[in-house]
Amino acid sequence: MRRYTMPIFTFALMLLVSTFAGASTAPPQPQGGWVTLMSENFEGEFPRGLWHIGREGDPYLWGRRDCNPHGGTYSMWGGGGGTLGAQTPCSGMYTTGYATTLSYGPFDLSGCTDVRINFAHWTWLGDGDYLRVGWTNDGGKSYDMVPIYGNAESLCGGWCVESFDKSKYKISLCGQPSVYLVFQFSSNASGVSYGTFVDDVSVQAYYADVPTLDHHLYLPVVRR
């Protein structure tokens, strides 16, 4: 009696089909993740893109200076710009009685589930003065801001590196089609110090399904 021997290839094929027959056929699930919407190190010309320095024409504004960078050559100094602020030497102190804003936007946060601001700041302020960091989702009619007071420089040993997610804020961010990031520096009528510097800013949003980048929404970092 002739013995039948199954070809090795046929046996391997049957084994493969059997294995897949018992496996799940569910499609792979999309992987969520953080998407960087904006990244800025303040090198090169400024302001540019969607950045805006508020109250243009005032004597004291946010100014890009080479006095105290976190990385690279430049950072933004609250009150170190404008017609008079730009004349303040790097070793000098800010003056009293003004406020200045630095903003970026709009962001379309319609599809995200979380958003965070990453930034570095060097802050040494007089009593009652502050750096505030936050958002507006109504075109500037109202703001939701986290304040930073006093001598944060001594607490951090120099530059503080921060990351604020949406849990820091009360206003709605994700789901909003037009949101602006805002940094505000305010000096009251008395007491000054060396001020606040901001550098290496980025905004990231978390998506359950990471979207395809759209140049109208996600802007690349500009490095010059």
C-alpha atoms as a PDB file:
ATOM      1  CA  MET A   1       0.000   0.000   0.000  1.00  0.00           C
ATOM      2  CA  ARG A   2       1.424   3.348  -1.049  1.00  0.00           C
ATOM      3  CA  ARG A   3       1.708   5.886   1.771  1.00  0.00           C
ATOM      4  CA  TYR A   4       0.557   9.418   0.888  1.00  0.00           C
ATOM      5  CA  THR A   5       2.801  12.212   2.096  1.00  0.00           C
ATOM      6  CA  MET A   6       1.395  15.751   2.181  1.00  0.00           C
ATOM      7  CA  PRO A   7       3.719  18.282   0.556  1.00  0.00           C
ATOM      8  CA  ILE A   8       5.325  20.594   3.117  1.00  0.00           C
ATOM      9  CA  PHE A   9       4.036  23.735   1.333  1.00  0.00           C
ATOM     10  CA  THR A  10       0.414  22.487   1.409  1.00  0.00           C
ATOM     11  CA  PHE A  11       0.652  21.678   5.124  1.00  0.00           C
ATOM     12  CA  ALA A  12       2.090  25.116   5.919  1.00  0.00           C
ATOM     13  CA  LEU A  13      -0.696  26.805   3.950  1.00  0.00           C
ATOM     14  CA  MET A  14      -3.391  24.863   5.813  1.00  0.00           C
ATOM     15  CA  LEU A  15      -1.794  25.736   9.137  1.00  0.00           C
ATOM     16  CA  LEU A  16      -1.725  29.429   8.183  1.00  0.00           C
ATOM     17  CA  VAL A  17      -5.406  29.422   7.170  1.00  0.00           C
ATOM     18  CA  SER A  18      -6.357  27.631  10.382  1.00  0.00           C
ATOM     19  CA  THR A  19      -4.455  30.188  12.481  1.00  0.00           C
ATOM     20  CA  PHE A  20      -6.156  33.166  10.856  1.00  0.00           C
ATOM     21  CA  ALA A  21      -9.584  31.526  11.061  1.00  0.00           C
ATOM     22  CA  GLY A  22      -9.347  31.624  14.847  1.00  0.00           C
ATOM     23  CA  ALA A  23      -7.966  35.192  15.046  1.00  0.00           C
ATOM     24  CA  SER A  24      -9.966  38.383  15.530  1.00  0.00           C
ATOM     25  CA  THR A  25     -10.817  40.202  12.324  1.00  0.00           C
ATOM     26  CA  ALA A  26     -11.528  43.556  14.033  1.00  0.00           C
ATOM     27  CA  PRO A  27      -9.784  46.449  12.306  1.00  0.00           C
ATOM     28  CA  PRO A  28      -6.858  48.068  14.133  1.00  0.00           C
ATOM     29  CA  GLN A  29      -7.892  50.951  16.380  1.00  0.00           C
ATOM     30  CA  PRO A  30      -6.505  54.415  15.687  1.00  0.00           C
ATOM     31  CA  GLN A  31      -3.822  55.501  18.103  1.00  0.00           C
ATOM     32  CA  GLY A  32      -4.360  58.789  19.904  1.00  0.00           C
ATOM     33  CA  GLY A  33      -1.586  61.222  20.649  1.00  0.00           C
ATOM     34  CA  TRP A  34      -0.364  64.760  21.148  1.00  0.00           C
ATOM     35  CA  VAL A  35      -0.001  66.981  18.088  1.00  0.00           C
ATOM     36  CA  THR A  36       2.143  70.122  18.216  1.00  0.00           C
ATOM     37  CA  LEU A  37       0.106  73.011  16.833  1.00  0.00           C
ATOM     38  CA  MET A  38       2.709  75.716  17.367  1.00  0.00           C
ATOM     39  CA  SER A  39       6.330  75.918  18.512  1.00  0.00           C
ATOM     40  CA  GLU A  40       8.315  79.145  18.929  1.00  0.00           C
ATOM     41  CA  ASN A  41      11.810  79.951  20.176  1.00  0.00           C
ATOM     42  CA  PHE A  42      11.765  83.686  19.227  1.00  0.00           C
ATOM     43  CA  GLU A  43      14.864  83.454  17.062  1.00  0.00           C
ATOM     44  CA  GLY A  44      14.778  85.586  13.898  1.00  0.00           C
ATOM     45  CA  GLU A  45      12.369  88.392  13.045  1.00  0.00           C
ATOM     46  CA  PHE A  46       9.477  88.979  15.406  1.00  0.00           C
ATOM     47  CA  PRO A  47       6.498  89.305  15.533  1.00  0.00           C
ATOM     48  CA  ARG A  48       5.686  86.965  12.680  1.00  0.00           C
ATOM     49  CA  GLY A  49       2.923  84.584  11.642  1.00  0.00           C
ATOM     50  CA  LEU A  50      -0.018  84.641  14.050  1.00  0.00           C
ATOM     51  CA  TRP A  51       1.856  86.367  16.887  1.00  0.00           C
ATOM     52  CA  HIS A  52       0.638  89.771  18.026  1.00  0.00           C
ATOM     53  CA  ILE A  53       1.972  92.259  20.585  1.00  0.00           C
ATOM     54  CA  GLY A  54      -0.960  94.089  22.153  1.00  0.00           C
ATOM     55  CA  ARG A  55      -1.341  97.855  22.555  1.00  0.00           C
ATOM     56  CA  GLU A  56       1.080  98.629  19.753  1.00  0.00           C
ATOM     57  CA  GLY A  57       2.478 102.123  20.065  1.00  0.00           C
ATOM     58  CA  ASP A  58       2.620 102.091  23.867  1.00  0.00           C
ATOM     59  CA  PRO A  59       6.024 102.989  25.352  1.00  0.00           C
ATOM     60  CA  TYR A  60       6.340  99.645  27.174  1.00  0.00           C
ATOM     61  CA  LEU A  61       5.519  96.405  25.366  1.00  0.00           C
ATOM     62  CA  TRP A  62       6.696  92.825  25.120  1.00  0.00           C
ATOM     63  CA  GLY A  63      10.014  92.932  23.317  1.00  0.00           C
ATOM     64  CA  ARG A  64      12.344  90.340  21.805  1.00  0.00           C
ATOM     65  CA  ARG A  65      15.697  90.878  23.492  1.00  0.00           C
ATOM     66  CA  ASP A  66      19.043  89.086  23.793  1.00  0.00           C
ATOM     67  CA  CYS A  67      19.291  89.814  27.536  1.00  0.00           C
ATOM     68  CA  ASN A  68      18.232  86.517  29.088  1.00  0.00           C
ATOM     69  CA  PRO A  69      17.435  83.592  26.743  1.00  0.00           C
ATOM     70  CA  HIS A  70      16.375  80.137  27.881  1.00  0.00           C
ATOM     71  CA  GLY A  71      17.884  78.661  24.737  1.00  0.00           C
ATOM     72  CA  GLY A  72      19.450  80.243  21.668  1.00  0.00           C
ATOM     73  CA  THR A  73      19.994  84.008  21.639  1.00  0.00           C
ATOM     74  CA  TYR A  74      16.621  85.662  22.281  1.00  0.00           C
ATOM     75  CA  SER A  75      13.613  85.588  24.586  1.00  0.00           C
ATOM     76  CA  MET A  76      10.588  87.856  25.096  1.00  0.00           C
ATOM     77  CA  TRP A  77      10.858  90.416  27.908  1.00  0.00           C
ATOM     78  CA  GLY A  78       7.638  91.849  29.339  1.00  0.00           C
ATOM     79  CA  GLY A  79       8.116  95.627  29.079  1.00  0.00           C
ATOM     80  CA  GLY A  80      11.416  95.286  27.225  1.00  0.00           C
ATOM     81  CA  GLY A  81       9.898  96.552  23.977  1.00  0.00           C
ATOM     82  CA  GLY A  82       8.139  99.682  22.784  1.00  0.00           C
ATOM     83  CA  THR A  83       9.620 103.132  22.346  1.00  0.00           C
ATOM     84  CA  LEU A  84      10.873 103.376  25.944  1.00  0.00           C
ATOM     85  CA  GLY A  85      11.059  99.736  26.990  1.00  0.00           C
ATOM     86  CA  ALA A  86      13.465  98.938  24.164  1.00  0.00           C
ATOM     87  CA  GLN A  87      15.912 101.432  25.720  1.00  0.00           C
ATOM     88  CA  THR A  88      16.010  99.586  29.059  1.00  0.00           C
ATOM     89  CA  PRO A  89      19.467  97.992  29.435  1.00  0.00           C
ATOM     90  CA  CYS A  90      19.666  94.254  30.063  1.00  0.00           C
ATOM     91  CA  SER A  91      20.835  94.955  33.623  1.00  0.00           C
ATOM     92  CA  GLY A  92      17.943  97.374  34.238  1.00  0.00           C
ATOM     93  CA  MET A  93      14.534  96.987  35.843  1.00  0.00           C
ATOM     94  CA  TYR A  94      11.075  97.495  34.377  1.00  0.00           C
ATOM     95  CA  THR A  95       9.041 100.557  35.296  1.00  0.00           C
ATOM     96  CA  THR A  96       5.639 101.036  36.977  1.00  0.00           C
ATOM     97  CA  GLY A  97       2.110 101.446  35.713  1.00  0.00           C
ATOM     98  CA  TYR A  98       1.612  99.517  32.488  1.00  0.00           C
ATOM     99  CA  ALA A  99       0.341  96.216  31.045  1.00  0.00           C
ATOM    100  CA  THR A 100       1.292  94.485  27.822  1.00  0.00           C
ATOM    101  CA  THR A 101       0.019  91.344  26.091  1.00  0.00           C
ATOM    102  CA  LEU A 102       1.610  88.812  23.784  1.00  0.00           C
ATOM    103  CA  SER A 103      -0.848  86.568  21.946  1.00  0.00           C
ATOM    104  CA  TYR A 104      -0.978  83.852  19.295  1.00  0.00           C
ATOM    105  CA  GLY A 105      -3.900  82.564  17.295  1.00  0.00           C
ATOM    106  CA  PRO A 106      -6.463  81.657  16.427  1.00  0.00           C
ATOM    107  CA  PHE A 107      -6.237  77.919  17.068  1.00  0.00           C
ATOM    108  CA  ASP A 108      -9.018  75.611  15.882  1.00  0.00           C
ATOM    109  CA  LEU A 109      -9.439  73.162  18.769  1.00  0.00           C
ATOM    110  CA  SER A 110     -12.666  71.601  17.492  1.00  0.00           C
ATOM    111  CA  GLY A 111     -11.549  67.969  17.545  1.00  0.00           C
ATOM    112  CA  CYS A 112      -9.215  67.672  20.528  1.00  0.00           C
ATOM    113  CA  THR A 113      -9.810  66.165  23.958  1.00  0.00           C
ATOM    114  CA  ASP A 114      -7.034  68.040  25.780  1.00  0.00           C
ATOM    115  CA  VAL A 115      -4.692  70.941  25.122  1.00  0.00           C
ATOM    116  CA  ARG A 116      -1.558  72.152  26.891  1.00  0.00           C
ATOM    117  CA  ILE A 117       0.778  75.130  26.857  1.00  0.00           C
ATOM    118  CA  ASN A 118       4.472  74.414  27.320  1.00  0.00           C
ATOM    119  CA  PHE A 119       6.751  77.364  28.048  1.00  0.00           C
ATOM    120  CA  ALA A 120       9.758  78.536  29.994  1.00  0.00           C
ATOM    121  CA  HIS A 121       9.793  81.729  32.060  1.00  0.00           C
ATOM    122  CA  TRP A 122      12.295  83.617  34.183  1.00  0.00           C
ATOM    123  CA  THR A 123      10.277  85.767  36.598  1.00  0.00           C
ATOM    124  CA  TRP A 124      11.315  88.157  39.355  1.00  0.00           C
ATOM    125  CA  LEU A 125       8.601  90.712  40.111  1.00  0.00           C
ATOM    126  CA  GLY A 126       7.739  93.454  42.542  1.00  0.00           C
ATOM    127  CA  ASP A 127       4.789  93.102  44.932  1.00  0.00           C
ATOM    128  CA  GLY A 128       1.451  92.994  43.129  1.00  0.00           C
ATOM    129  CA  ASP A 129       2.937  92.633  39.644  1.00  0.00           C
ATOM    130  CA  TYR A 130       2.306  89.470  37.653  1.00  0.00           C
ATOM    131  CA  LEU A 131       2.760  87.350  34.580  1.00  0.00           C
ATOM    132  CA  ARG A 132      -0.515  85.713  33.504  1.00  0.00           C
ATOM    133  CA  VAL A 133      -0.787  82.847  31.027  1.00  0.00           C
ATOM    134  CA  GLY A 134      -4.036  81.666  29.488  1.00  0.00           C
ATOM    135  CA  TRP A 135      -6.668  81.815  26.799  1.00  0.00           C
ATOM    136  CA  THR A 136      -9.586  83.672  25.308  1.00  0.00           C
ATOM    137  CA  ASN A 137     -12.244  81.834  23.293  1.00  0.00           C
ATOM    138  CA  ASP A 138     -14.473  84.832  22.549  1.00  0.00           C
ATOM    139  CA  GLY A 139     -12.165  87.153  20.638  1.00  0.00           C
ATOM    140  CA  GLY A 140     -10.802  88.940  23.699  1.00  0.00           C
ATOM    141  CA  LYS A 141     -14.072  89.819  25.437  1.00  0.00           C
ATOM    142  CA  SER A 142     -13.000  87.680  28.407  1.00  0.00           C
ATOM    143  CA  TYR A 143      -9.878  85.818  29.495  1.00  0.00           C
ATOM    144  CA  ASP A 144      -9.067  82.843  31.691  1.00  0.00           C
ATOM    145  CA  MET A 145      -5.505  83.271  32.994  1.00  0.00           C
ATOM    146  CA  VAL A 146      -3.186  81.568  35.486  1.00  0.00           C
ATOM    147  CA  PRO A 147      -1.135  84.181  37.419  1.00  0.00           C
ATOM    148  CA  ILE A 148       2.542  83.902  38.348  1.00  0.00           C
ATOM    149  CA  TYR A 149       3.780  86.258  41.081  1.00  0.00           C
ATOM    150  CA  GLY A 150       6.910  87.173  42.980  1.00  0.00           C
ATOM    151  CA  ASN A 151      10.352  85.665  42.663  1.00  0.00           C
ATOM    152  CA  ALA A 152       9.793  82.410  40.757  1.00  0.00           C
ATOM    153  CA  GLU A 153      13.418  82.614  39.664  1.00  0.00           C
ATOM    154  CA  SER A 154      14.591  81.721  43.175  1.00  0.00           C
ATOM    155  CA  LEU A 155      12.163  78.772  43.406  1.00  0.00           C
ATOM    156  CA  CYS A 156      13.288  77.301  40.099  1.00  0.00           C
ATOM    157  CA  GLY A 157      16.960  78.225  40.349  1.00  0.00           C
ATOM    158  CA  GLY A 158      16.656  80.353  37.220  1.00  0.00           C
ATOM    159  CA  TRP A 159      14.240  79.431  34.449  1.00  0.00           C
ATOM    160  CA  CYS A 160      10.986  77.642  35.281  1.00  0.00           C
ATOM    161  CA  VAL A 161       9.710  75.137  32.695  1.00  0.00           C
ATOM    162  CA  GLU A 162       5.910  74.833  32.794  1.00  0.00           C
ATOM    163  CA  SER A 163       3.187  72.748  31.162  1.00  0.00           C
ATOM    164  CA  PHE A 164      -0.447  73.811  31.730  1.00  0.00           C
ATOM    165  CA  ASP A 165      -3.203  71.541  30.399  1.00  0.00           C
ATOM    166  CA  LYS A 166      -6.894  72.405  30.104  1.00  0.00           C
ATOM    167  CA  SER A 167      -7.557  71.387  33.717  1.00  0.00           C
ATOM    168  CA  LYS A 168      -5.898  74.673  34.745  1.00  0.00           C
ATOM    169  CA  TYR A 169      -8.700  76.647  33.104  1.00  0.00           C
ATOM    170  CA  LYS A 170     -12.440  77.068  33.553  1.00  0.00           C
ATOM    171  CA  ILE A 171     -13.373  78.130  30.023  1.00  0.00           C
ATOM    172  CA  SER A 172     -14.025  75.629  27.258  1.00  0.00           C
ATOM    173  CA  LEU A 173     -11.007  75.034  25.029  1.00  0.00           C
ATOM    174  CA  CYS A 174     -11.387  71.741  23.148  1.00  0.00           C
ATOM    175  CA  GLY A 175     -14.410  72.003  20.894  1.00  0.00           C
ATOM    176  CA  GLN A 176     -13.819  75.701  20.251  1.00  0.00           C
ATOM    177  CA  PRO A 177     -13.053  76.792  16.642  1.00  0.00           C
ATOM    178  CA  SER A 178     -11.223  80.027  17.496  1.00  0.00           C
ATOM    179  CA  VAL A 179      -8.998  80.216  20.586  1.00  0.00           C
ATOM    180  CA  TYR A 180      -6.088  82.556  21.356  1.00  0.00           C
ATOM    181  CA  LEU A 181      -3.120  81.950  23.642  1.00  0.00           C
ATOM    182  CA  VAL A 182      -2.256  85.026  25.736  1.00  0.00           C
ATOM    183  CA  PHE A 183       0.691  86.073  27.901  1.00  0.00           C
ATOM    184  CA  GLN A 184       0.103  89.261  29.901  1.00  0.00           C
ATOM    185  CA  PHE A 185       2.587  91.177  32.002  1.00  0.00           C
ATOM    186  CA  SER A 186       1.287  93.867  34.356  1.00  0.00           C
ATOM    187  CA  SER A 187       3.167  96.338  36.562  1.00  0.00           C
ATOM    188  CA  ASN A 188       1.273  98.264  39.228  1.00  0.00           C
ATOM    189  CA  ALA A 189       1.985 101.739  40.599  1.00  0.00           C
ATOM    190  CA  SER A 190       4.772 100.767  42.993  1.00  0.00           C
ATOM    191  CA  GLY A 191       7.629  98.293  43.347  1.00  0.00           C
ATOM    192  CA  VAL A 192       9.649  96.936  40.444  1.00  0.00           C
ATOM    193  CA  SER A 193      12.287  94.296  39.804  1.00  0.00           C
ATOM    194  CA  TYR A 194      13.978  92.601  36.852  1.00  0.00           C
ATOM    195  CA  GLY A 195      10.731  91.442  35.256  1.00  0.00           C
ATOM    196  CA  THR A 196       9.625  88.368  33.369  1.00  0.00           C
ATOM    197  CA  PHE A 197      11.102  86.656  30.314  1.00  0.00           C
ATOM    198  CA  VAL A 198       9.305  83.997  28.243  1.00  0.00           C
ATOM    199  CA  ASP A 199      10.911  81.545  25.824  1.00  0.00           C
ATOM    200  CA  ASP A 200      10.430  78.172  24.074  1.00  0.00           C
ATOM    201  CA  VAL A 201       6.649  78.251  23.799  1.00  0.00           C
ATOM    202  CA  SER A 202       4.619  75.421  22.276  1.00  0.00           C
ATOM    203  CA  VAL A 203       0.959  74.439  22.161  1.00  0.00           C
ATOM    204  CA  GLN A 204      -0.086  70.800  21.860  1.00  0.00           C
ATOM    205  CA  ALA A 205      -3.524  69.214  21.486  1.00  0.00           C
ATOM    206  CA  TYR A 206      -4.485  65.610  22.206  1.00  0.00           C
ATOM    207  CA  TYR A 207      -6.608  63.775  19.662  1.00  0.00           C
ATOM    208  CA  ALA A 208      -8.175  60.334  20.106  1.00  0.00           C
ATOM    209  CA  ASP A 209      -7.511  59.819  16.406  1.00  0.00           C
ATOM    210  CA  VAL A 210      -4.470  61.806  15.298  1.00  0.00           C
ATOM    211  CA  PRO A 211      -5.582  63.935  12.333  1.00  0.00           C
ATOM    212  CA  THR A 212      -3.772  64.533   9.084  1.00  0.00           C
ATOM    213  CA  LEU A 213      -1.895  67.801   9.381  1.00  0.00           C
ATOM    214  CA  ASP A 214      -3.519  70.703   7.606  1.00  0.00           C
ATOM    215  CA  HIS A 215      -1.362  73.743   6.889  1.00  0.00           C
ATOM    216  CA  HIS A 216      -4.284  76.023   7.666  1.00  0.00           C
ATOM    217  CA  LEU A 217      -4.474  74.650  11.218  1.00  0.00           C
ATOM    218  CA  TYR A 218      -1.105  73.259  12.226  1.00  0.00           C
ATOM    219  CA  LEU A 219       1.756  75.643  11.728  1.00  0.00           C
ATOM    220  CA  PRO A 220       5.371  74.419  11.596  1.00  0.00           C
ATOM    221  CA  VAL A 221       8.024  75.815  13.881  1.00  0.00           C
ATOM    222  CA  VAL A 222       9.970  78.661  12.334  1.00  0.00           C
ATOM    223  CA  ARG A 223      13.669  78.501  13.018  1.00  0.00           C
ATOM    224  CA  ARG A 224      16.041  80.984  11.469  1.00  0.00           C
END
